[in-house]
């Protein structure tokens, strides 16, 4: 019996320490993979990590609001999982056209400190949202038409600050941080990708 106890203690010690050699490339790729999320036969296929790798976003499972118009609750966090933005009264809606293979909910600036998405409550209450992730500020503009914002450069990844002329006459506001539950009944995770 003593030998078994010693074996178990040694096994636990070996598996609890970081003395084993690490594959740096493998760990880096695993780190990147945890920010990816796929849903609905790749209808939603995203990597939520910002280009500077300091911020990410999570969505809840998308919901078909109206004939393939998939909306989802969205929240933005820093890499330490501190909440930056969450508005419980609105949903994110796709910022790309339905002709593309998968839906895209967020685009990041080239530097990774700005994020653009479209916020939606109903067809009368839909907004352009620009978030300064570093300063925890945002700008909101009521949408006039879907066509107008899809032609803008900020719906593409790695947009530049010069592309944001639409937002230049609006003031920065503090980001909303509504209470955000991480888990649902029976401890199921409701935010994706699971971090």
N, C-alpha and C. Protein backbone atom coordinates (compact mmCIF):
# COMPACT_ATOMS: atom_id res chain seq x y z
N UNK A 1 0.82 -1.20 0.00
CA UNK A 1 0.00 0.00 0.00
C UNK A 1 0.86 1.26 0.00
N UNK A 2 1.99 1.21 0.76
CA UNK A 2 2.87 2.38 0.81
C UNK A 2 3.46 2.70 -0.55
N UNK A 3 3.80 1.67 -1.30
CA UNK A 3 4.36 1.89 -2.64
C UNK A 3 3.34 2.58 -3.55
N UNK A 4 2.08 2.18 -3.43
CA UNK A 4 1.03 2.81 -4.24
C UNK A 4 0.88 4.29 -3.88
N UNK A 5 0.91 4.62 -2.61
CA UNK A 5 0.79 6.01 -2.16
C UNK A 5 1.97 6.82 -2.66
N UNK A 6 3.17 6.27 -2.59
CA UNK A 6 4.37 6.97 -3.08
C UNK A 6 4.26 7.18 -4.59
N UNK A 7 3.78 6.16 -5.30
CA UNK A 7 3.62 6.29 -6.76
C UNK A 7 2.62 7.39 -7.10
N UNK A 8 1.50 7.43 -6.41
CA UNK A 8 0.47 8.46 -6.66
C UNK A 8 1.02 9.84 -6.35
N UNK A 9 1.73 9.98 -5.25
CA UNK A 9 2.31 11.28 -4.89
C UNK A 9 3.32 11.73 -5.94
N UNK A 10 4.17 10.81 -6.40
CA UNK A 10 5.17 11.15 -7.42
C UNK A 10 4.49 11.53 -8.73
N UNK A 11 3.46 10.80 -9.11
CA UNK A 11 2.74 11.10 -10.35
C UNK A 11 2.09 12.49 -10.27
N UNK A 12 1.47 12.79 -9.13
CA UNK A 12 0.84 14.11 -8.95
C UNK A 12 1.88 15.22 -8.99
N UNK A 13 3.03 14.98 -8.36
CA UNK A 13 4.08 16.00 -8.36
C UNK A 13 4.60 16.25 -9.77
N UNK A 14 4.84 15.21 -10.53
CA UNK A 14 5.34 15.36 -11.90
C UNK A 14 4.35 16.09 -12.79
N UNK A 15 3.08 15.82 -12.61
CA UNK A 15 2.07 16.47 -13.45
C UNK A 15 1.71 17.86 -12.97
N UNK A 16 2.08 18.23 -11.77
CA UNK A 16 1.75 19.55 -11.24
C UNK A 16 2.84 20.58 -11.49
N UNK A 17 4.05 20.14 -11.80
CA UNK A 17 5.15 21.09 -11.99
C UNK A 17 5.32 21.43 -13.45
N UNK A 18 5.97 22.53 -13.69
CA UNK A 18 6.28 22.96 -15.06
C UNK A 18 7.70 22.58 -15.44
N UNK A 19 8.24 21.53 -14.82
CA UNK A 19 9.62 21.15 -15.09
C UNK A 19 9.76 20.38 -16.40
N UNK A 20 8.64 20.01 -17.01
CA UNK A 20 8.70 19.28 -18.27
C UNK A 20 9.03 20.25 -19.40
N UNK A 21 9.78 19.81 -20.41
CA UNK A 21 10.07 20.72 -21.53
C UNK A 21 8.79 21.09 -22.26
N UNK A 22 8.70 22.33 -22.68
CA UNK A 22 7.50 22.82 -23.35
C UNK A 22 7.78 23.05 -24.83
N UNK A 23 6.83 22.76 -25.63
CA UNK A 23 6.92 23.05 -27.05
C UNK A 23 6.33 24.44 -27.25
N UNK A 24 7.17 25.43 -27.43
CA UNK A 24 6.73 26.82 -27.48
C UNK A 24 5.78 27.07 -28.66
N UNK A 25 6.09 26.53 -29.81
CA UNK A 25 5.23 26.74 -30.98
C UNK A 25 3.87 26.10 -30.74
N UNK A 26 3.85 24.91 -30.20
CA UNK A 26 2.58 24.23 -29.92
C UNK A 26 1.74 25.03 -28.94
N UNK A 27 2.36 25.54 -27.88
CA UNK A 27 1.61 26.33 -26.89
C UNK A 27 1.08 27.62 -27.51
N UNK A 28 1.86 28.27 -28.38
CA UNK A 28 1.42 29.50 -29.03
C UNK A 28 0.20 29.22 -29.90
N UNK A 29 0.25 28.12 -30.66
CA UNK A 29 -0.88 27.79 -31.54
C UNK A 29 -2.11 27.42 -30.71
N UNK A 30 -1.92 26.73 -29.60
CA UNK A 30 -3.06 26.42 -28.74
C UNK A 30 -3.65 27.70 -28.16
N UNK A 31 -2.79 28.66 -27.82
CA UNK A 31 -3.24 29.95 -27.30
C UNK A 31 -4.11 30.65 -28.35
N UNK A 32 -3.67 30.66 -29.59
CA UNK A 32 -4.43 31.29 -30.66
C UNK A 32 -5.76 30.54 -30.92
N UNK A 33 -5.72 29.23 -30.85
CA UNK A 33 -6.91 28.43 -31.15
C UNK A 33 -8.05 28.66 -30.16
N UNK A 34 -7.73 28.99 -28.93
CA UNK A 34 -8.79 29.14 -27.94
C UNK A 34 -9.67 30.36 -28.22
N UNK A 35 -9.27 31.23 -29.11
CA UNK A 35 -10.07 32.41 -29.48
C UNK A 35 -10.89 32.18 -30.75
N UNK A 36 -10.90 30.95 -31.26
CA UNK A 36 -11.66 30.63 -32.46
C UNK A 36 -12.99 30.00 -32.06
N UNK A 37 -14.00 30.28 -32.87
CA UNK A 37 -15.33 29.73 -32.62
C UNK A 37 -16.00 29.46 -33.95
N UNK A 38 -16.62 28.29 -34.03
CA UNK A 38 -17.34 27.90 -35.24
C UNK A 38 -18.72 27.41 -34.82
N UNK A 39 -19.71 27.79 -35.59
CA UNK A 39 -21.09 27.41 -35.27
C UNK A 39 -21.88 27.25 -36.56
N UNK A 40 -22.82 26.32 -36.57
CA UNK A 40 -23.77 26.17 -37.67
C UNK A 40 -23.14 25.82 -39.00
N UNK A 41 -22.38 24.72 -39.05
CA UNK A 41 -21.70 24.31 -40.29
C UNK A 41 -20.90 25.45 -40.89
N UNK A 42 -20.12 26.10 -40.04
CA UNK A 42 -19.25 27.23 -40.43
C UNK A 42 -20.02 28.45 -40.92
N UNK A 43 -21.28 28.56 -40.55
CA UNK A 43 -22.03 29.77 -40.84
C UNK A 43 -21.40 30.93 -40.07
N UNK A 44 -21.01 30.65 -38.84
CA UNK A 44 -20.22 31.59 -38.04
C UNK A 44 -18.88 30.91 -37.80
N UNK A 45 -17.82 31.55 -38.24
CA UNK A 45 -16.48 31.00 -38.11
C UNK A 45 -15.56 32.18 -37.82
N UNK A 46 -15.18 32.37 -36.57
CA UNK A 46 -14.47 33.59 -36.22
C UNK A 46 -13.26 33.33 -35.33
N UNK A 47 -12.35 34.29 -35.38
CA UNK A 47 -11.25 34.37 -34.43
C UNK A 47 -11.42 35.71 -33.74
N UNK A 48 -11.69 35.70 -32.45
CA UNK A 48 -12.07 36.93 -31.76
C UNK A 48 -10.89 37.71 -31.19
N UNK A 49 -9.69 37.22 -31.32
CA UNK A 49 -8.51 37.88 -30.77
C UNK A 49 -8.13 39.08 -31.63
N UNK A 50 -7.84 40.22 -30.99
CA UNK A 50 -7.45 41.43 -31.73
C UNK A 50 -6.04 41.26 -32.32
N UNK A 51 -5.69 42.05 -33.34
CA UNK A 51 -4.37 41.92 -33.95
C UNK A 51 -3.21 42.14 -32.98
N UNK A 52 -3.38 42.99 -31.97
CA UNK A 52 -2.30 43.20 -31.00
C UNK A 52 -2.33 42.17 -29.86
N UNK A 53 -3.29 41.26 -29.90
CA UNK A 53 -3.43 40.16 -28.95
C UNK A 53 -3.64 40.63 -27.51
N UNK A 54 -4.22 41.82 -27.34
CA UNK A 54 -4.51 42.35 -26.00
C UNK A 54 -5.99 42.29 -25.66
N UNK A 55 -6.85 42.08 -26.67
CA UNK A 55 -8.30 42.11 -26.47
C UNK A 55 -8.95 40.99 -27.25
N UNK A 56 -10.16 40.65 -26.85
CA UNK A 56 -10.94 39.67 -27.61
C UNK A 56 -12.42 39.93 -27.31
N UNK A 57 -13.27 39.29 -28.08
CA UNK A 57 -14.70 39.38 -27.82
C UNK A 57 -15.28 37.98 -27.73
N UNK A 58 -16.43 37.90 -27.08
CA UNK A 58 -17.17 36.65 -26.99
C UNK A 58 -18.61 36.93 -27.39
N UNK A 59 -19.24 35.94 -28.01
CA UNK A 59 -20.65 36.05 -28.37
C UNK A 59 -21.40 34.89 -27.75
N UNK A 60 -22.70 35.08 -27.61
CA UNK A 60 -23.55 33.95 -27.25
C UNK A 60 -23.97 33.27 -28.54
N UNK A 61 -24.53 32.10 -28.43
CA UNK A 61 -24.92 31.36 -29.63
C UNK A 61 -25.87 32.21 -30.47
N UNK A 62 -25.57 32.38 -31.76
CA UNK A 62 -26.41 33.23 -32.62
C UNK A 62 -27.85 32.73 -32.71
N UNK A 63 -28.75 33.68 -32.89
CA UNK A 63 -30.18 33.39 -32.96
C UNK A 63 -30.71 33.92 -34.29
N UNK A 64 -31.51 33.13 -34.97
CA UNK A 64 -32.09 33.56 -36.25
C UNK A 64 -33.26 34.50 -35.95
N UNK A 65 -32.99 35.79 -36.02
CA UNK A 65 -33.99 36.80 -35.69
C UNK A 65 -35.06 36.90 -36.78
N UNK A 66 -34.61 36.91 -38.04
CA UNK A 66 -35.54 37.08 -39.14
C UNK A 66 -34.91 36.56 -40.42
N UNK A 67 -35.38 35.47 -40.94
CA UNK A 67 -34.99 34.90 -42.22
C UNK A 67 -33.47 34.90 -42.44
N UNK A 68 -32.76 34.28 -41.57
CA UNK A 68 -31.30 34.17 -41.73
C UNK A 68 -30.52 35.36 -41.23
N UNK A 69 -31.16 36.27 -40.54
CA UNK A 69 -30.48 37.43 -39.94
C UNK A 69 -30.07 37.02 -38.53
N UNK A 70 -28.85 36.48 -38.38
CA UNK A 70 -28.39 35.90 -37.13
C UNK A 70 -27.78 36.96 -36.23
N UNK A 71 -28.40 37.15 -35.07
CA UNK A 71 -27.92 38.12 -34.09
C UNK A 71 -27.40 37.38 -32.86
N UNK A 72 -26.52 38.05 -32.10
CA UNK A 72 -25.94 37.41 -30.92
C UNK A 72 -25.55 38.47 -29.90
N UNK A 73 -25.70 38.16 -28.63
CA UNK A 73 -25.16 39.03 -27.58
C UNK A 73 -23.64 39.04 -27.73
N UNK A 74 -23.03 40.18 -27.45
CA UNK A 74 -21.58 40.31 -27.62
C UNK A 74 -20.98 41.06 -26.44
N UNK A 75 -19.78 40.69 -26.07
CA UNK A 75 -19.04 41.40 -25.03
C UNK A 75 -17.56 41.45 -25.42
N UNK A 76 -16.91 42.52 -25.03
CA UNK A 76 -15.48 42.71 -25.29
C UNK A 76 -14.73 42.67 -23.97
N UNK A 77 -13.58 42.00 -23.98
CA UNK A 77 -12.78 41.84 -22.77
C UNK A 77 -11.31 42.05 -23.10
N UNK A 78 -10.51 42.38 -22.08
CA UNK A 78 -9.08 42.39 -22.31
C UNK A 78 -8.56 40.98 -22.09
N UNK A 79 -7.30 40.75 -22.38
CA UNK A 79 -6.73 39.41 -22.34
C UNK A 79 -6.77 38.80 -20.94
N UNK A 80 -6.89 39.64 -19.91
CA UNK A 80 -7.02 39.15 -18.54
C UNK A 80 -8.48 38.92 -18.15
N UNK A 81 -9.37 38.99 -19.11
CA UNK A 81 -10.80 38.76 -18.98
C UNK A 81 -11.51 39.82 -18.15
N UNK A 82 -10.99 41.04 -18.16
CA UNK A 82 -11.69 42.18 -17.56
C UNK A 82 -12.66 42.74 -18.59
N UNK A 83 -13.90 42.93 -18.18
CA UNK A 83 -14.94 43.39 -19.09
C UNK A 83 -14.69 44.82 -19.55
N UNK A 84 -14.78 45.05 -20.86
CA UNK A 84 -14.62 46.39 -21.44
C UNK A 84 -15.97 46.91 -21.92
N UNK A 85 -16.76 46.05 -22.57
CA UNK A 85 -18.03 46.49 -23.16
C UNK A 85 -19.03 45.35 -23.12
N UNK A 86 -20.21 45.61 -22.59
CA UNK A 86 -21.33 44.69 -22.70
C UNK A 86 -22.61 45.47 -22.50
N UNK A 87 -23.46 45.48 -23.51
CA UNK A 87 -24.76 46.14 -23.44
C UNK A 87 -25.83 45.06 -23.55
N UNK A 88 -26.45 44.74 -22.43
CA UNK A 88 -27.42 43.65 -22.37
C UNK A 88 -28.69 43.91 -23.16
N UNK A 89 -28.95 45.15 -23.53
CA UNK A 89 -30.18 45.49 -24.24
C UNK A 89 -30.09 45.33 -25.76
N UNK A 90 -28.90 45.08 -26.26
CA UNK A 90 -28.69 45.00 -27.71
C UNK A 90 -27.95 43.73 -28.10
N UNK A 91 -28.00 43.44 -29.40
CA UNK A 91 -27.32 42.30 -29.99
C UNK A 91 -26.36 42.80 -31.05
N UNK A 92 -25.38 41.98 -31.37
CA UNK A 92 -24.52 42.26 -32.52
C UNK A 92 -25.17 41.59 -33.72
N UNK A 93 -25.11 42.27 -34.86
CA UNK A 93 -25.61 41.66 -36.09
C UNK A 93 -24.47 41.63 -37.10
N UNK A 94 -24.56 40.79 -38.11
CA UNK A 94 -23.46 40.66 -39.07
C UNK A 94 -23.14 41.99 -39.76
N UNK A 95 -21.84 42.23 -39.95
CA UNK A 95 -21.42 43.45 -40.64
C UNK A 95 -21.03 43.18 -42.09
N UNK A 96 -21.05 41.92 -42.50
CA UNK A 96 -20.77 41.61 -43.90
C UNK A 96 -22.06 41.22 -44.60
N UNK A 97 -21.99 41.17 -45.90
CA UNK A 97 -23.20 40.86 -46.67
C UNK A 97 -23.53 39.38 -46.57
N UNK A 98 -24.77 39.05 -46.75
CA UNK A 98 -25.22 37.66 -46.69
C UNK A 98 -24.69 36.80 -47.81
N UNK A 99 -24.05 37.41 -48.81
CA UNK A 99 -23.52 36.65 -49.94
C UNK A 99 -22.22 35.93 -49.58
N UNK A 100 -21.57 36.36 -48.51
CA UNK A 100 -20.33 35.72 -48.10
C UNK A 100 -20.64 34.42 -47.38
N UNK A 101 -19.64 33.53 -47.30
CA UNK A 101 -19.86 32.19 -46.76
C UNK A 101 -20.20 32.17 -45.28
N UNK A 102 -19.58 33.04 -44.50
CA UNK A 102 -19.87 33.04 -43.07
C UNK A 102 -20.10 34.47 -42.59
N UNK A 103 -20.77 34.56 -41.45
CA UNK A 103 -21.08 35.87 -40.89
C UNK A 103 -19.89 36.41 -40.13
N UNK A 104 -19.74 37.71 -40.19
CA UNK A 104 -18.68 38.40 -39.47
C UNK A 104 -19.34 39.42 -38.57
N UNK A 105 -18.98 39.42 -37.29
CA UNK A 105 -19.61 40.32 -36.33
C UNK A 105 -18.74 41.52 -35.96
N UNK A 106 -17.42 41.39 -36.03
CA UNK A 106 -16.51 42.44 -35.56
C UNK A 106 -15.35 42.59 -36.53
N UNK A 107 -14.91 43.83 -36.70
CA UNK A 107 -13.63 44.06 -37.39
C UNK A 107 -12.76 44.91 -36.47
N UNK A 108 -11.48 44.63 -36.50
CA UNK A 108 -10.51 45.36 -35.67
C UNK A 108 -9.69 46.31 -36.54
N UNK A 109 -9.21 47.36 -35.90
CA UNK A 109 -8.30 48.28 -36.59
C UNK A 109 -6.94 47.61 -36.76
N UNK A 110 -6.13 48.22 -37.58
CA UNK A 110 -4.79 47.71 -37.86
C UNK A 110 -3.97 47.57 -36.57
N UNK A 111 -4.10 48.54 -35.66
CA UNK A 111 -3.34 48.51 -34.41
C UNK A 111 -3.99 47.60 -33.37
N UNK A 112 -5.24 47.20 -33.54
CA UNK A 112 -5.92 46.31 -32.62
C UNK A 112 -6.56 47.00 -31.42
N UNK A 113 -6.51 48.32 -31.38
CA UNK A 113 -7.08 49.04 -30.24
C UNK A 113 -8.50 49.55 -30.50
N UNK A 114 -8.96 49.49 -31.74
CA UNK A 114 -10.32 49.90 -32.08
C UNK A 114 -11.07 48.69 -32.63
N UNK A 115 -12.34 48.61 -32.31
CA UNK A 115 -13.19 47.54 -32.83
C UNK A 115 -14.48 48.16 -33.35
N UNK A 116 -14.94 47.67 -34.48
CA UNK A 116 -16.21 48.11 -35.06
C UNK A 116 -17.18 46.93 -35.08
N UNK A 117 -18.42 47.19 -34.71
CA UNK A 117 -19.49 46.22 -34.92
C UNK A 117 -20.81 46.96 -35.04
N UNK A 118 -21.85 46.22 -35.38
CA UNK A 118 -23.17 46.79 -35.56
C UNK A 118 -24.08 46.27 -34.46
N UNK A 119 -24.72 47.21 -33.75
CA UNK A 119 -25.57 46.86 -32.62
C UNK A 119 -27.04 46.93 -33.06
N UNK A 120 -27.83 45.99 -32.56
CA UNK A 120 -29.19 45.81 -33.07
C UNK A 120 -30.15 45.48 -31.93
N UNK A 121 -31.28 46.18 -31.91
CA UNK A 121 -32.37 45.84 -30.98
C UNK A 121 -33.57 45.39 -31.79
N UNK A 122 -33.91 46.16 -32.80
CA UNK A 122 -34.94 45.82 -33.78
C UNK A 122 -34.60 46.63 -35.03
N UNK A 123 -35.40 46.51 -36.06
CA UNK A 123 -35.04 47.18 -37.32
C UNK A 123 -35.09 48.70 -37.22
N UNK A 124 -35.75 49.24 -36.22
CA UNK A 124 -35.79 50.68 -36.00
C UNK A 124 -34.62 51.17 -35.14
N UNK A 125 -34.02 50.28 -34.37
CA UNK A 125 -32.94 50.63 -33.45
C UNK A 125 -31.69 49.82 -33.78
N UNK A 126 -30.95 50.32 -34.73
CA UNK A 126 -29.72 49.67 -35.17
C UNK A 126 -28.62 50.72 -35.25
N UNK A 127 -27.42 50.40 -34.77
CA UNK A 127 -26.38 51.40 -34.63
C UNK A 127 -25.01 50.90 -35.10
N UNK A 128 -24.20 51.84 -35.58
CA UNK A 128 -22.77 51.60 -35.78
C UNK A 128 -22.11 51.81 -34.43
N UNK A 129 -21.21 50.93 -34.03
CA UNK A 129 -20.49 51.07 -32.77
C UNK A 129 -18.99 51.00 -33.05
N UNK A 130 -18.28 51.98 -32.53
CA UNK A 130 -16.82 51.99 -32.58
C UNK A 130 -16.33 52.02 -31.14
N UNK A 131 -15.51 51.05 -30.77
CA UNK A 131 -15.01 50.96 -29.40
C UNK A 131 -13.50 51.21 -29.39
N UNK A 132 -13.08 52.10 -28.50
CA UNK A 132 -11.66 52.25 -28.21
C UNK A 132 -11.38 51.32 -27.03
N UNK A 133 -10.82 50.17 -27.32
CA UNK A 133 -10.64 49.13 -26.31
C UNK A 133 -9.63 49.55 -25.24
N UNK A 134 -8.64 50.30 -25.64
CA UNK A 134 -7.60 50.73 -24.69
C UNK A 134 -8.17 51.72 -23.67
N UNK A 135 -8.94 52.70 -24.15
CA UNK A 135 -9.47 53.76 -23.28
C UNK A 135 -10.85 53.44 -22.70
N UNK A 136 -11.44 52.33 -23.13
CA UNK A 136 -12.78 51.91 -22.68
C UNK A 136 -13.83 52.99 -22.97
N UNK A 137 -13.80 53.47 -24.21
CA UNK A 137 -14.76 54.47 -24.68
C UNK A 137 -15.39 53.94 -25.96
N UNK A 138 -16.58 54.49 -26.30
CA UNK A 138 -17.20 54.08 -27.55
C UNK A 138 -17.99 55.23 -28.16
N UNK A 139 -18.26 55.10 -29.46
CA UNK A 139 -19.11 56.03 -30.19
C UNK A 139 -20.25 55.23 -30.80
N UNK A 140 -21.44 55.83 -30.82
CA UNK A 140 -22.63 55.16 -31.37
C UNK A 140 -23.29 56.11 -32.36
N UNK A 141 -23.61 55.56 -33.54
CA UNK A 141 -24.31 56.33 -34.58
C UNK A 141 -25.48 55.50 -35.07
N UNK A 142 -26.64 56.10 -35.13
CA UNK A 142 -27.83 55.40 -35.64
C UNK A 142 -27.64 55.10 -37.12
N UNK A 143 -27.95 53.88 -37.50
CA UNK A 143 -27.82 53.48 -38.91
C UNK A 143 -28.98 54.01 -39.72
N UNK A 144 -28.64 54.45 -40.92
CA UNK A 144 -29.68 54.91 -41.84
C UNK A 144 -30.04 53.82 -42.83
N UNK A 145 -29.02 53.07 -43.28
CA UNK A 145 -29.27 51.96 -44.20
C UNK A 145 -28.14 50.96 -44.10
N UNK A 146 -28.43 49.70 -44.37
CA UNK A 146 -27.39 48.67 -44.37
C UNK A 146 -26.38 48.91 -45.47
N UNK A 147 -26.84 49.38 -46.60
CA UNK A 147 -25.97 49.56 -47.76
C UNK A 147 -24.86 50.57 -47.48
N UNK A 148 -25.16 51.64 -46.78
CA UNK A 148 -24.18 52.69 -46.56
C UNK A 148 -22.98 52.22 -45.75
N UNK A 149 -23.20 51.41 -44.71
CA UNK A 149 -22.06 51.02 -43.90
C UNK A 149 -21.29 49.86 -44.49
N UNK A 150 -21.92 49.06 -45.33
CA UNK A 150 -21.18 47.95 -45.95
C UNK A 150 -20.18 48.45 -46.98
N UNK A 151 -20.36 49.65 -47.46
CA UNK A 151 -19.43 50.21 -48.43
C UNK A 151 -18.24 50.88 -47.75
N UNK A 152 -18.25 51.01 -46.45
CA UNK A 152 -17.17 51.66 -45.71
C UNK A 152 -16.04 50.68 -45.44
N UNK A 153 -14.83 51.22 -45.31
CA UNK A 153 -13.65 50.38 -45.09
C UNK A 153 -13.57 49.77 -43.70
N UNK A 154 -14.26 50.32 -42.72
CA UNK A 154 -14.11 49.79 -41.38
C UNK A 154 -14.82 48.47 -41.15
N UNK A 155 -15.53 47.96 -42.13
CA UNK A 155 -16.09 46.61 -41.99
C UNK A 155 -15.04 45.55 -42.36
N UNK A 156 -13.92 45.98 -42.92
CA UNK A 156 -12.82 45.07 -43.25
C UNK A 156 -11.84 45.02 -42.09
N UNK A 157 -11.19 43.88 -41.91
CA UNK A 157 -10.18 43.78 -40.87
C UNK A 157 -9.00 44.68 -41.19
N UNK A 158 -8.30 45.10 -40.14
CA UNK A 158 -7.11 45.96 -40.23
C UNK A 158 -7.45 47.32 -40.85
N UNK A 159 -8.62 47.88 -40.49
CA UNK A 159 -8.94 49.22 -40.98
C UNK A 159 -8.03 50.23 -40.31
N UNK A 160 -7.86 51.35 -40.96
CA UNK A 160 -6.99 52.41 -40.46
C UNK A 160 -7.84 53.51 -39.83
N UNK A 161 -7.24 54.32 -39.00
CA UNK A 161 -7.97 55.41 -38.34
C UNK A 161 -8.53 56.39 -39.37
N UNK A 162 -7.88 56.50 -40.52
CA UNK A 162 -8.37 57.40 -41.58
C UNK A 162 -9.70 56.92 -42.17
N UNK A 163 -10.00 55.66 -42.01
CA UNK A 163 -11.24 55.09 -42.56
C UNK A 163 -12.48 55.46 -41.74
N UNK A 164 -12.28 56.10 -40.60
CA UNK A 164 -13.37 56.31 -39.65
C UNK A 164 -14.01 57.69 -39.74
N UNK A 165 -14.08 58.26 -40.92
CA UNK A 165 -14.67 59.59 -41.10
C UNK A 165 -16.13 59.65 -40.64
N UNK A 166 -16.84 58.55 -40.74
CA UNK A 166 -18.23 58.49 -40.30
C UNK A 166 -18.38 58.86 -38.82
N UNK A 167 -17.36 58.56 -38.01
CA UNK A 167 -17.44 58.76 -36.56
C UNK A 167 -16.82 60.08 -36.08
N UNK A 168 -16.20 60.84 -36.96
CA UNK A 168 -15.39 61.98 -36.50
C UNK A 168 -16.19 63.09 -35.81
N UNK A 169 -17.47 63.25 -36.07
CA UNK A 169 -18.26 64.32 -35.45
C UNK A 169 -19.01 63.87 -34.20
N UNK A 170 -18.68 62.71 -33.68
CA UNK A 170 -19.37 62.17 -32.51
C UNK A 170 -18.43 62.08 -31.33
N UNK A 171 -18.98 62.25 -30.13
CA UNK A 171 -18.19 62.24 -28.90
C UNK A 171 -17.98 60.81 -28.39
N UNK A 172 -16.85 60.62 -27.72
CA UNK A 172 -16.58 59.35 -27.05
C UNK A 172 -17.37 59.31 -25.75
N UNK A 173 -17.94 58.15 -25.44
CA UNK A 173 -18.68 57.93 -24.20
C UNK A 173 -18.06 56.74 -23.46
N UNK A 174 -18.31 56.66 -22.16
CA UNK A 174 -17.84 55.50 -21.39
C UNK A 174 -18.60 54.25 -21.84
N UNK A 175 -17.89 53.15 -21.92
CA UNK A 175 -18.53 51.91 -22.39
C UNK A 175 -19.48 51.35 -21.34
N UNK A 176 -20.63 50.81 -21.79
CA UNK A 176 -21.54 50.16 -20.84
C UNK A 176 -20.96 48.82 -20.40
N UNK A 177 -21.11 48.52 -19.13
CA UNK A 177 -20.63 47.24 -18.59
C UNK A 177 -21.74 46.63 -17.75
N UNK A 178 -22.81 46.22 -18.42
CA UNK A 178 -23.91 45.57 -17.71
C UNK A 178 -23.43 44.27 -17.08
N UNK A 179 -24.17 43.83 -16.08
CA UNK A 179 -23.82 42.56 -15.43
C UNK A 179 -23.85 41.44 -16.46
N UNK A 180 -22.79 40.68 -16.51
CA UNK A 180 -22.63 39.63 -17.51
C UNK A 180 -22.43 38.29 -16.80
N UNK A 181 -23.38 37.39 -16.99
CA UNK A 181 -23.27 36.05 -16.39
C UNK A 181 -22.45 35.17 -17.33
N UNK A 182 -21.46 34.50 -16.77
CA UNK A 182 -20.60 33.64 -17.58
C UNK A 182 -21.23 32.28 -17.85
N UNK A 183 -22.04 31.83 -16.92
CA UNK A 183 -22.61 30.50 -17.04
C UNK A 183 -24.12 30.55 -16.87
N UNK A 184 -24.77 29.51 -17.37
CA UNK A 184 -26.22 29.40 -17.33
C UNK A 184 -26.57 28.25 -16.39
N UNK A 185 -27.81 27.82 -16.41
CA UNK A 185 -28.23 26.69 -15.60
C UNK A 185 -27.31 25.49 -15.81
N UNK A 186 -27.09 24.74 -14.78
CA UNK A 186 -26.26 23.55 -14.81
C UNK A 186 -24.82 23.85 -15.23
N UNK A 187 -24.40 25.09 -15.05
CA UNK A 187 -23.02 25.51 -15.29
C UNK A 187 -22.57 25.42 -16.74
N UNK A 188 -23.50 25.44 -17.68
CA UNK A 188 -23.12 25.47 -19.09
C UNK A 188 -22.59 26.85 -19.43
N UNK A 189 -21.50 26.88 -20.18
CA UNK A 189 -20.92 28.14 -20.61
C UNK A 189 -21.81 28.74 -21.70
N UNK A 190 -22.15 30.02 -21.60
CA UNK A 190 -23.01 30.63 -22.60
C UNK A 190 -22.25 31.61 -23.49
N UNK A 191 -20.96 31.80 -23.25
CA UNK A 191 -20.16 32.71 -24.07
C UNK A 191 -19.13 31.92 -24.87
N UNK A 192 -19.00 32.28 -26.14
CA UNK A 192 -18.08 31.59 -27.05
C UNK A 192 -17.19 32.62 -27.75
N UNK A 193 -15.97 32.28 -28.04
CA UNK A 193 -15.29 31.04 -27.70
C UNK A 193 -15.09 30.90 -26.20
N UNK A 194 -15.02 29.65 -25.75
CA UNK A 194 -14.84 29.37 -24.32
C UNK A 194 -13.39 29.65 -23.97
N UNK A 195 -13.18 30.57 -23.06
CA UNK A 195 -11.81 30.93 -22.66
C UNK A 195 -11.56 30.41 -21.26
